[in-house]
């Protein structure tokens, strides 16, 4: 399975933004919904759901949120990349 990217954004008058926590919560709800209504197993969807729950319960979440919001305040584009494929997810912030 590949990496998961979340792109937090600030809210403006034209576009409503979301912080990293809100994006992870939304993604976990979407995955859970798809898993509950789906037939058979979808291992990729299960891994994505597990990664979101791990992020939401991780002590690193607040650090990632603070750092990403700092860069957003500077007007930069931010991506949080969740690297899967290891024992536990690894998180990386990419700035454009």
PDB file of N, CA and C in Angstrom:
ATOM      1  N   UNK A   1       0.846  -1.186   0.000  1.00  0.00           N
ATOM      2  CA  UNK A   1       0.000   0.000   0.000  1.00  0.00           C
ATOM      3  C   UNK A   1       0.881   1.235   0.000  1.00  0.00           C
ATOM      4  N   UNK A   2       0.449   2.259  -0.695  1.00  0.00           N
ATOM      5  CA  UNK A   2       1.206   3.490  -0.797  1.00  0.00           C
ATOM      6  C   UNK A   2       1.014   4.387   0.410  1.00  0.00           C
ATOM      7  N   UNK A   3       1.558   5.577   0.297  1.00  0.00           N
ATOM      8  CA  UNK A   3       1.445   6.565   1.355  1.00  0.00           C
ATOM      9  C   UNK A   3       0.075   7.248   1.296  1.00  0.00           C
ATOM     10  N   UNK A   4      -0.298   7.861   2.398  1.00  0.00           N
ATOM     11  CA  UNK A   4      -1.536   8.628   2.475  1.00  0.00           C
ATOM     12  C   UNK A   4      -1.139  10.086   2.651  1.00  0.00           C
ATOM     13  N   UNK A   5      -1.761  10.973   1.883  1.00  0.00           N
ATOM     14  CA  UNK A   5      -1.479  12.396   1.995  1.00  0.00           C
ATOM     15  C   UNK A   5      -2.718  13.136   2.474  1.00  0.00           C
ATOM     16  N   UNK A   6      -2.520  13.997   3.450  1.00  0.00           N
ATOM     17  CA  UNK A   6      -3.579  14.874   3.937  1.00  0.00           C
ATOM     18  C   UNK A   6      -3.104  16.306   3.748  1.00  0.00           C
ATOM     19  N   UNK A   7      -3.968  17.177   3.214  1.00  0.00           N
ATOM     20  CA  UNK A   7      -3.589  18.552   2.944  1.00  0.00           C
ATOM     21  C   UNK A   7      -4.449  19.511   3.764  1.00  0.00           C
ATOM     22  N   UNK A   8      -3.941  19.933   4.922  1.00  0.00           N
ATOM     23  CA  UNK A   8      -4.699  20.897   5.729  1.00  0.00           C
ATOM     24  C   UNK A   8      -4.740  22.260   5.038  1.00  0.00           C
ATOM     25  N   UNK A   9      -5.793  23.009   5.282  1.00  0.00           N
ATOM     26  CA  UNK A   9      -5.975  24.339   4.696  1.00  0.00           C
ATOM     27  C   UNK A   9      -6.602  25.256   5.735  1.00  0.00           C
ATOM     28  N   UNK A  10      -6.269  26.535   5.621  1.00  0.00           N
ATOM     29  CA  UNK A  10      -6.941  27.547   6.425  1.00  0.00           C
ATOM     30  C   UNK A  10      -8.280  27.873   5.784  1.00  0.00           C
ATOM     31  N   UNK A  11      -9.224  28.275   6.582  1.00  0.00           N
ATOM     32  CA  UNK A  11     -10.512  28.704   6.063  1.00  0.00           C
ATOM     33  C   UNK A  11     -10.412  30.131   5.537  1.00  0.00           C
ATOM     34  N   UNK A  12     -11.080  30.379   4.416  1.00  0.00           N
ATOM     35  CA  UNK A  12     -11.211  31.726   3.875  1.00  0.00           C
ATOM     36  C   UNK A  12     -12.688  31.964   3.612  1.00  0.00           C
ATOM     37  N   UNK A  13     -13.014  33.135   3.123  1.00  0.00           N
ATOM     38  CA  UNK A  13     -14.416  33.405   2.798  1.00  0.00           C
ATOM     39  C   UNK A  13     -14.910  32.486   1.687  1.00  0.00           C
ATOM     40  N   UNK A  14     -14.031  32.160   0.752  1.00  0.00           N
ATOM     41  CA  UNK A  14     -14.430  31.353  -0.400  1.00  0.00           C
ATOM     42  C   UNK A  14     -14.330  29.851  -0.149  1.00  0.00           C
ATOM     43  N   UNK A  15     -13.391  29.439   0.705  1.00  0.00           N
ATOM     44  CA  UNK A  15     -13.124  28.011   0.893  1.00  0.00           C
ATOM     45  C   UNK A  15     -13.035  27.696   2.379  1.00  0.00           C
ATOM     46  N   UNK A  16     -13.756  26.653   2.788  1.00  0.00           N
ATOM     47  CA  UNK A  16     -13.626  26.253   4.187  1.00  0.00           C
ATOM     48  C   UNK A  16     -12.457  25.280   4.295  1.00  0.00           C
ATOM     49  N   UNK A  17     -11.572  25.547   5.229  1.00  0.00           N
ATOM     50  CA  UNK A  17     -10.387  24.720   5.416  1.00  0.00           C
ATOM     51  C   UNK A  17     -10.589  23.716   6.529  1.00  0.00           C
ATOM     52  N   UNK A  18      -9.607  22.862   6.670  1.00  0.00           N
ATOM     53  CA  UNK A  18      -9.648  21.856   7.728  1.00  0.00           C
ATOM     54  C   UNK A  18      -8.249  21.638   8.264  1.00  0.00           C
ATOM     55  N   UNK A  19      -8.145  21.452   9.563  1.00  0.00           N
ATOM     56  CA  UNK A  19      -6.864  21.129  10.181  1.00  0.00           C
ATOM     57  C   UNK A  19      -6.587  19.635   9.990  1.00  0.00           C
ATOM     58  N   UNK A  20      -5.390  19.236  10.334  1.00  0.00           N
ATOM     59  CA  UNK A  20      -4.981  17.847  10.139  1.00  0.00           C
ATOM     60  C   UNK A  20      -5.867  16.891  10.946  1.00  0.00           C
ATOM     61  N   UNK A  21      -6.252  17.300  12.138  1.00  0.00           N
ATOM     62  CA  UNK A  21      -7.108  16.449  12.974  1.00  0.00           C
ATOM     63  C   UNK A  21      -8.481  16.261  12.319  1.00  0.00           C
ATOM     64  N   UNK A  22      -9.057  17.347  11.825  1.00  0.00           N
ATOM     65  CA  UNK A  22     -10.371  17.264  11.175  1.00  0.00           C
ATOM     66  C   UNK A  22     -10.318  16.400   9.921  1.00  0.00           C
ATOM     67  N   UNK A  23      -9.224  16.527   9.147  1.00  0.00           N
ATOM     68  CA  UNK A  23      -9.074  15.701   7.951  1.00  0.00           C
ATOM     69  C   UNK A  23      -8.966  14.221   8.304  1.00  0.00           C
ATOM     70  N   UNK A  24      -8.201  13.918   9.342  1.00  0.00           N
ATOM     71  CA  UNK A  24      -8.044  12.517   9.762  1.00  0.00           C
ATOM     72  C   UNK A  24      -9.366  11.957  10.288  1.00  0.00           C
ATOM     73  N   UNK A  25     -10.118  12.760  11.027  1.00  0.00           N
ATOM     74  CA  UNK A  25     -11.423  12.311  11.522  1.00  0.00           C
ATOM     75  C   UNK A  25     -12.375  12.048  10.361  1.00  0.00           C
ATOM     76  N   UNK A  26     -12.393  12.951   9.378  1.00  0.00           N
ATOM     77  CA  UNK A  26     -13.256  12.774   8.213  1.00  0.00           C
ATOM     78  C   UNK A  26     -12.862  11.520   7.436  1.00  0.00           C
ATOM     79  N   UNK A  27     -11.581  11.331   7.213  1.00  0.00           N
ATOM     80  CA  UNK A  27     -11.115  10.164   6.464  1.00  0.00           C
ATOM     81  C   UNK A  27     -11.443   8.868   7.204  1.00  0.00           C
ATOM     82  N   UNK A  28     -11.293   8.877   8.538  1.00  0.00           N
ATOM     83  CA  UNK A  28     -11.615   7.661   9.297  1.00  0.00           C
ATOM     84  C   UNK A  28     -13.103   7.349   9.229  1.00  0.00           C
ATOM     85  N   UNK A  29     -13.959   8.374   9.289  1.00  0.00           N
ATOM     86  CA  UNK A  29     -15.416   8.157   9.160  1.00  0.00           C
ATOM     87  C   UNK A  29     -15.768   7.620   7.772  1.00  0.00           C
ATOM     88  N   UNK A  30     -15.142   8.197   6.743  1.00  0.00           N
ATOM     89  CA  UNK A  30     -15.404   7.728   5.377  1.00  0.00           C
ATOM     90  C   UNK A  30     -14.987   6.269   5.215  1.00  0.00           C
ATOM     91  N   UNK A  31     -13.819   5.924   5.727  1.00  0.00           N
ATOM     92  CA  UNK A  31     -13.338   4.539   5.634  1.00  0.00           C
ATOM     93  C   UNK A  31     -14.264   3.590   6.385  1.00  0.00           C
ATOM     94  N   UNK A  32     -14.654   3.975   7.603  1.00  0.00           N
ATOM     95  CA  UNK A  32     -15.530   3.126   8.404  1.00  0.00           C
ATOM     96  C   UNK A  32     -16.858   2.907   7.686  1.00  0.00           C
ATOM     97  N   UNK A  33     -17.402   3.973   7.120  1.00  0.00           N
ATOM     98  CA  UNK A  33     -18.664   3.859   6.393  1.00  0.00           C
ATOM     99  C   UNK A  33     -18.530   2.878   5.239  1.00  0.00           C
ATOM    100  N   UNK A  34     -17.466   3.017   4.463  1.00  0.00           N
ATOM    101  CA  UNK A  34     -17.241   2.122   3.324  1.00  0.00           C
ATOM    102  C   UNK A  34     -17.028   0.678   3.788  1.00  0.00           C
ATOM    103  N   UNK A  35     -16.325   0.495   4.886  1.00  0.00           N
ATOM    104  CA  UNK A  35     -16.102  -0.853   5.408  1.00  0.00           C
ATOM    105  C   UNK A  35     -17.403  -1.488   5.876  1.00  0.00           C
ATOM    106  N   UNK A  36     -18.254  -0.695   6.514  1.00  0.00           N
ATOM    107  CA  UNK A  36     -19.514  -1.222   7.030  1.00  0.00           C
ATOM    108  C   UNK A  36     -20.504  -1.560   5.919  1.00  0.00           C
ATOM    109  N   UNK A  37     -20.512  -0.787   4.863  1.00  0.00           N
ATOM    110  CA  UNK A  37     -21.466  -1.069   3.801  1.00  0.00           C
ATOM    111  C   UNK A  37     -20.908  -1.989   2.725  1.00  0.00           C
ATOM    112  N   UNK A  38     -19.603  -2.199   2.730  1.00  0.00           N
ATOM    113  CA  UNK A  38     -18.973  -3.024   1.704  1.00  0.00           C
ATOM    114  C   UNK A  38     -19.178  -4.504   1.923  1.00  0.00           C
ATOM    115  N   UNK A  39     -18.979  -5.230   0.857  1.00  0.00           N
ATOM    116  CA  UNK A  39     -19.063  -6.683   0.919  1.00  0.00           C
ATOM    117  C   UNK A  39     -17.660  -7.240   0.776  1.00  0.00           C
ATOM    118  N   UNK A  40     -17.331  -8.196   1.593  1.00  0.00           N
ATOM    119  CA  UNK A  40     -15.993  -8.782   1.532  1.00  0.00           C
ATOM    120  C   UNK A  40     -14.969  -7.892   2.213  1.00  0.00           C
ATOM    121  N   UNK A  41     -13.743  -8.294   2.124  1.00  0.00           N
ATOM    122  CA  UNK A  41     -12.677  -7.540   2.767  1.00  0.00           C
ATOM    123  C   UNK A  41     -12.006  -6.610   1.776  1.00  0.00           C
ATOM    124  N   UNK A  42     -11.665  -5.435   2.240  1.00  0.00           N
ATOM    125  CA  UNK A  42     -10.902  -4.474   1.465  1.00  0.00           C
ATOM    126  C   UNK A  42      -9.713  -4.087   2.336  1.00  0.00           C
ATOM    127  N   UNK A  43      -8.607  -4.796   2.148  1.00  0.00           N
ATOM    128  CA  UNK A  43      -7.439  -4.624   3.024  1.00  0.00           C
ATOM    129  C   UNK A  43      -6.866  -3.211   2.953  1.00  0.00           C
ATOM    130  N   UNK A  44      -6.899  -2.598   1.771  1.00  0.00           N
ATOM    131  CA  UNK A  44      -6.356  -1.240   1.643  1.00  0.00           C
ATOM    132  C   UNK A  44      -7.187  -0.241   2.447  1.00  0.00           C
ATOM    133  N   UNK A  45      -8.496  -0.384   2.384  1.00  0.00           N
ATOM    134  CA  UNK A  45      -9.386   0.480   3.156  1.00  0.00           C
ATOM    135  C   UNK A  45      -9.191   0.258   4.655  1.00  0.00           C
ATOM    136  N   UNK A  46      -9.006  -0.985   5.061  1.00  0.00           N
ATOM    137  CA  UNK A  46      -8.744  -1.294   6.465  1.00  0.00           C
ATOM    138  C   UNK A  46      -7.444  -0.645   6.932  1.00  0.00           C
ATOM    139  N   UNK A  47      -6.404  -0.695   6.106  1.00  0.00           N
ATOM    140  CA  UNK A  47      -5.114  -0.098   6.461  1.00  0.00           C
ATOM    141  C   UNK A  47      -5.231   1.418   6.582  1.00  0.00           C
ATOM    142  N   UNK A  48      -5.998   2.028   5.684  1.00  0.00           N
ATOM    143  CA  UNK A  48      -6.200   3.478   5.751  1.00  0.00           C
ATOM    144  C   UNK A  48      -6.939   3.845   7.035  1.00  0.00           C
ATOM    145  N   UNK A  49      -7.973   3.095   7.359  1.00  0.00           N
ATOM    146  CA  UNK A  49      -8.728   3.344   8.593  1.00  0.00           C
ATOM    147  C   UNK A  49      -7.815   3.203   9.810  1.00  0.00           C
ATOM    148  N   UNK A  50      -7.038   2.141   9.854  1.00  0.00           N
ATOM    149  CA  UNK A  50      -6.110   1.920  10.970  1.00  0.00           C
ATOM    150  C   UNK A  50      -5.096   3.058  11.078  1.00  0.00           C
ATOM    151  N   UNK A  51      -4.606   3.542   9.929  1.00  0.00           N
ATOM    152  CA  UNK A  51      -3.635   4.637   9.932  1.00  0.00           C
ATOM    153  C   UNK A  51      -4.249   5.919  10.484  1.00  0.00           C
ATOM    154  N   UNK A  52      -5.509   6.188  10.138  1.00  0.00           N
ATOM    155  CA  UNK A  52      -6.178   7.399  10.639  1.00  0.00           C
ATOM    156  C   UNK A  52      -6.405   7.319  12.144  1.00  0.00           C
ATOM    157  N   UNK A  53      -6.825   6.150  12.624  1.00  0.00           N
ATOM    158  CA  UNK A  53      -7.043   5.981  14.062  1.00  0.00           C
ATOM    159  C   UNK A  53      -5.715   6.095  14.807  1.00  0.00           C
ATOM    160  N   UNK A  54      -4.672   5.524  14.245  1.00  0.00           N
ATOM    161  CA  UNK A  54      -3.350   5.618  14.865  1.00  0.00           C
ATOM    162  C   UNK A  54      -2.908   7.073  14.938  1.00  0.00           C
ATOM    163  N   UNK A  55      -3.115   7.841  13.862  1.00  0.00           N
ATOM    164  CA  UNK A  55      -2.763   9.261  13.869  1.00  0.00           C
ATOM    165  C   UNK A  55      -3.568  10.019  14.918  1.00  0.00           C
ATOM    166  N   UNK A  56      -4.873   9.772  14.959  1.00  0.00           N
ATOM    167  CA  UNK A  56      -5.734  10.498  15.899  1.00  0.00           C
ATOM    168  C   UNK A  56      -5.408  10.207  17.360  1.00  0.00           C
ATOM    169  N   UNK A  57      -4.844   9.046  17.639  1.00  0.00           N
ATOM    170  CA  UNK A  57      -4.507   8.689  19.020  1.00  0.00           C
ATOM    171  C   UNK A  57      -3.025   8.875  19.321  1.00  0.00           C
ATOM    172  N   UNK A  58      -2.281   9.332  18.332  1.00  0.00           N
ATOM    173  CA  UNK A  58      -0.837   9.498  18.487  1.00  0.00           C
ATOM    174  C   UNK A  58      -0.492  10.786  19.240  1.00  0.00           C
ATOM    175  N   UNK A  59       0.522  10.733  20.097  1.00  0.00           N
ATOM    176  CA  UNK A  59       0.980  11.963  20.731  1.00  0.00           C
ATOM    177  C   UNK A  59       1.621  12.929  19.720  1.00  0.00           C
ATOM    178  N   UNK A  60       1.958  12.441  18.533  1.00  0.00           N
ATOM    179  CA  UNK A  60       2.547  13.289  17.494  1.00  0.00           C
ATOM    180  C   UNK A  60       1.523  14.181  16.805  1.00  0.00           C
ATOM    181  N   UNK A  61       0.232  13.886  16.977  1.00  0.00           N
ATOM    182  CA  UNK A  61      -0.812  14.650  16.292  1.00  0.00           C
ATOM    183  C   UNK A  61      -0.720  16.132  16.607  1.00  0.00           C
ATOM    184  N   UNK A  62      -0.590  16.489  17.860  1.00  0.00           N
ATOM    185  CA  UNK A  62      -0.546  17.905  18.235  1.00  0.00           C
ATOM    186  C   UNK A  62       0.673  18.591  17.642  1.00  0.00           C
ATOM    187  N   UNK A  63       1.804  17.909  17.627  1.00  0.00           N
ATOM    188  CA  UNK A  63       3.019  18.469  17.038  1.00  0.00           C
ATOM    189  C   UNK A  63       2.826  18.708  15.544  1.00  0.00           C
ATOM    190  N   UNK A  64       2.262  17.721  14.851  1.00  0.00           N
ATOM    191  CA  UNK A  64       1.992  17.859  13.421  1.00  0.00           C
ATOM    192  C   UNK A  64       1.009  18.996  13.154  1.00  0.00           C
ATOM    193  N   UNK A  65       0.002  19.106  13.991  1.00  0.00           N
ATOM    194  CA  UNK A  65      -1.008  20.153  13.829  1.00  0.00           C
ATOM    195  C   UNK A  65      -0.391  21.527  14.041  1.00  0.00           C
ATOM    196  N   UNK A  66       0.384  21.681  15.101  1.00  0.00           N
ATOM    197  CA  UNK A  66       1.016  22.971  15.387  1.00  0.00           C
ATOM    198  C   UNK A  66       1.976  23.389  14.275  1.00  0.00           C
ATOM    199  N   UNK A  67       2.793  22.442  13.835  1.00  0.00           N
ATOM    200  CA  UNK A  67       3.780  22.746  12.809  1.00  0.00           C
ATOM    201  C   UNK A  67       3.111  23.067  11.463  1.00  0.00           C
ATOM    202  N   UNK A  68       2.096  22.295  11.104  1.00  0.00           N
ATOM    203  CA  UNK A  68       1.421  22.558   9.832  1.00  0.00           C
ATOM    204  C   UNK A  68       0.700  23.906   9.868  1.00  0.00           C
ATOM    205  N   UNK A  69       0.097  24.257  10.987  1.00  0.00           N
ATOM    206  CA  UNK A  69      -0.593  25.543  11.088  1.00  0.00           C
ATOM    207  C   UNK A  69       0.382  26.709  11.045  1.00  0.00           C
ATOM    208  N   UNK A  70       1.582  26.508  11.565  1.00  0.00           N
ATOM    209  CA  UNK A  70       2.615  27.541  11.486  1.00  0.00           C
ATOM    210  C   UNK A  70       2.959  27.818  10.025  1.00  0.00           C
ATOM    211  N   UNK A  71       3.153  26.761   9.244  1.00  0.00           N
ATOM    212  CA  UNK A  71       3.470  26.935   7.831  1.00  0.00           C
ATOM    213  C   UNK A  71       2.293  27.509   7.047  1.00  0.00           C
ATOM    214  N   UNK A  72       1.080  27.091   7.381  1.00  0.00           N
ATOM    215  CA  UNK A  72      -0.101  27.648   6.723  1.00  0.00           C
ATOM    216  C   UNK A  72      -0.216  29.151   6.990  1.00  0.00           C
ATOM    217  N   UNK A  73       0.106  29.570   8.208  1.00  0.00           N
ATOM    218  CA  UNK A  73       0.060  30.986   8.568  1.00  0.00           C
ATOM    219  C   UNK A  73       1.083  31.793   7.767  1.00  0.00           C
ATOM    220  N   UNK A  74       2.146  31.139   7.343  1.00  0.00           N
ATOM    221  CA  UNK A  74       3.172  31.782   6.520  1.00  0.00           C
ATOM    222  C   UNK A  74       2.788  31.766   5.038  1.00  0.00           C
ATOM    223  N   UNK A  75       1.625  31.221   4.712  1.00  0.00           N
ATOM    224  CA  UNK A  75       1.141  31.185   3.342  1.00  0.00           C
ATOM    225  C   UNK A  75       1.667  30.032   2.512  1.00  0.00           C
ATOM    226  N   UNK A  76       2.230  29.026   3.163  1.00  0.00           N
ATOM    227  CA  UNK A  76       2.792  27.889   2.440  1.00  0.00           C
ATOM    228  C   UNK A  76       1.758  26.780   2.294  1.00  0.00           C
ATOM    229  N   UNK A  77       1.937  25.961   1.260  1.00  0.00           N
ATOM    230  CA  UNK A  77       1.104  24.768   1.082  1.00  0.00           C
ATOM    231  C   UNK A  77       1.727  23.624   1.865  1.00  0.00           C
ATOM    232  N   UNK A  78       0.901  22.911   2.583  1.00  0.00           N
ATOM    233  CA  UNK A  78       1.390  21.860   3.482  1.00  0.00           C
ATOM    234  C   UNK A  78       0.719  20.534   3.148  1.00  0.00           C
ATOM    235  N   UNK A  79       1.502  19.471   3.194  1.00  0.00           N
ATOM    236  CA  UNK A  79       0.985  18.112   3.075  1.00  0.00           C
ATOM    237  C   UNK A  79       1.543  17.303   4.233  1.00  0.00           C
ATOM    238  N   UNK A  80       0.685  16.537   4.864  1.00  0.00           N
ATOM    239  CA  UNK A  80       1.114  15.561   5.853  1.00  0.00           C
ATOM    240  C   UNK A  80       1.106  14.216   5.142  1.00  0.00           C
ATOM    241  N   UNK A  81       2.258  13.585   5.085  1.00  0.00           N
ATOM    242  CA  UNK A  81       2.372  12.290   4.425  1.00  0.00           C
ATOM    243  C   UNK A  81       2.483  11.217   5.504  1.00  0.00           C
ATOM    244  N   UNK A  82       1.619  10.233   5.415  1.00  0.00           N
ATOM    245  CA  UNK A  82       1.643   9.099   6.335  1.00  0.00           C
ATOM    246  C   UNK A  82       2.252   7.933   5.579  1.00  0.00           C
ATOM    247  N   UNK A  83       3.435   7.545   5.998  1.00  0.00           N
ATOM    248  CA  UNK A  83       4.132   6.435   5.362  1.00  0.00           C
ATOM    249  C   UNK A  83       3.708   5.143   6.049  1.00  0.00           C
ATOM    250  N   UNK A  84       3.112   4.265   5.284  1.00  0.00           N
ATOM    251  CA  UNK A  84       2.695   2.968   5.802  1.00  0.00           C
ATOM    252  C   UNK A  84       3.756   1.943   5.414  1.00  0.00           C
ATOM    253  N   UNK A  85       3.548   0.708   5.675  1.00  0.00           N
ATOM    254  CA  UNK A  85       4.472  -0.325   5.250  1.00  0.00           C
ATOM    255  C   UNK A  85       5.527  -0.671   6.286  1.00  0.00           C
ATOM    256  N   UNK A  86       5.551   0.022   7.375  1.00  0.00           N
ATOM    257  CA  UNK A  86       6.444  -0.305   8.475  1.00  0.00           C
ATOM    258  C   UNK A  86       5.569  -0.818   9.614  1.00  0.00           C
ATOM    259  N   UNK A  87       6.188  -1.169  10.733  1.00  0.00           N
ATOM    260  CA  UNK A  87       5.399  -1.659  11.866  1.00  0.00           C
ATOM    261  C   UNK A  87       4.355  -0.651  12.307  1.00  0.00           C
ATOM    262  N   UNK A  88       4.764   0.616  12.350  1.00  0.00           N
ATOM    263  CA  UNK A  88       3.815   1.669  12.695  1.00  0.00           C
ATOM    264  C   UNK A  88       4.003   2.798  11.689  1.00  0.00           C
ATOM    265  N   UNK A  89       2.944   3.589  11.463  1.00  0.00           N
ATOM    266  CA  UNK A  89       3.049   4.674  10.485  1.00  0.00           C
ATOM    267  C   UNK A  89       4.120   5.687  10.886  1.00  0.00           C
ATOM    268  N   UNK A  90       4.725   6.294   9.861  1.00  0.00           N
ATOM    269  CA  UNK A  90       5.693   7.364  10.068  1.00  0.00           C
ATOM    270  C   UNK A  90       5.129   8.595   9.396  1.00  0.00           C
ATOM    271  N   UNK A  91       5.283   9.757  10.036  1.00  0.00           N
ATOM    272  CA  UNK A  91       4.669  10.989   9.549  1.00  0.00           C
ATOM    273  C   UNK A  91       5.737  11.958   9.057  1.00  0.00           C
ATOM    274  N   UNK A  92       5.397  12.658   7.970  1.00  0.00           N
ATOM    275  CA  UNK A  92       6.312  13.630   7.382  1.00  0.00           C
ATOM    276  C   UNK A  92       5.507  14.841   6.944  1.00  0.00           C
ATOM    277  N   UNK A  93       6.062  16.027   7.155  1.00  0.00           N
ATOM    278  CA  UNK A  93       5.430  17.249   6.678  1.00  0.00           C
ATOM    279  C   UNK A  93       6.201  17.708   5.441  1.00  0.00           C
ATOM    280  N   UNK A  94       5.469  17.936   4.352  1.00  0.00           N
ATOM    281  CA  UNK A  94       6.067  18.467   3.126  1.00  0.00           C
ATOM    282  C   UNK A  94       5.517  19.873   2.901  1.00  0.00           C
ATOM    283  N   UNK A  95       6.403  20.783   2.576  1.00  0.00           N
ATOM    284  CA  UNK A  95       6.021  22.180   2.378  1.00  0.00           C
ATOM    285  C   UNK A  95       6.373  22.595   0.964  1.00  0.00           C
ATOM    286  N   UNK A  96       5.419  23.244   0.288  1.00  0.00           N
ATOM    287  CA  UNK A  96       5.655  23.787  -1.064  1.00  0.00           C
ATOM    288  C   UNK A  96       5.750  25.288  -0.977  1.00  0.00           C
TER     289      UNK A  96
END
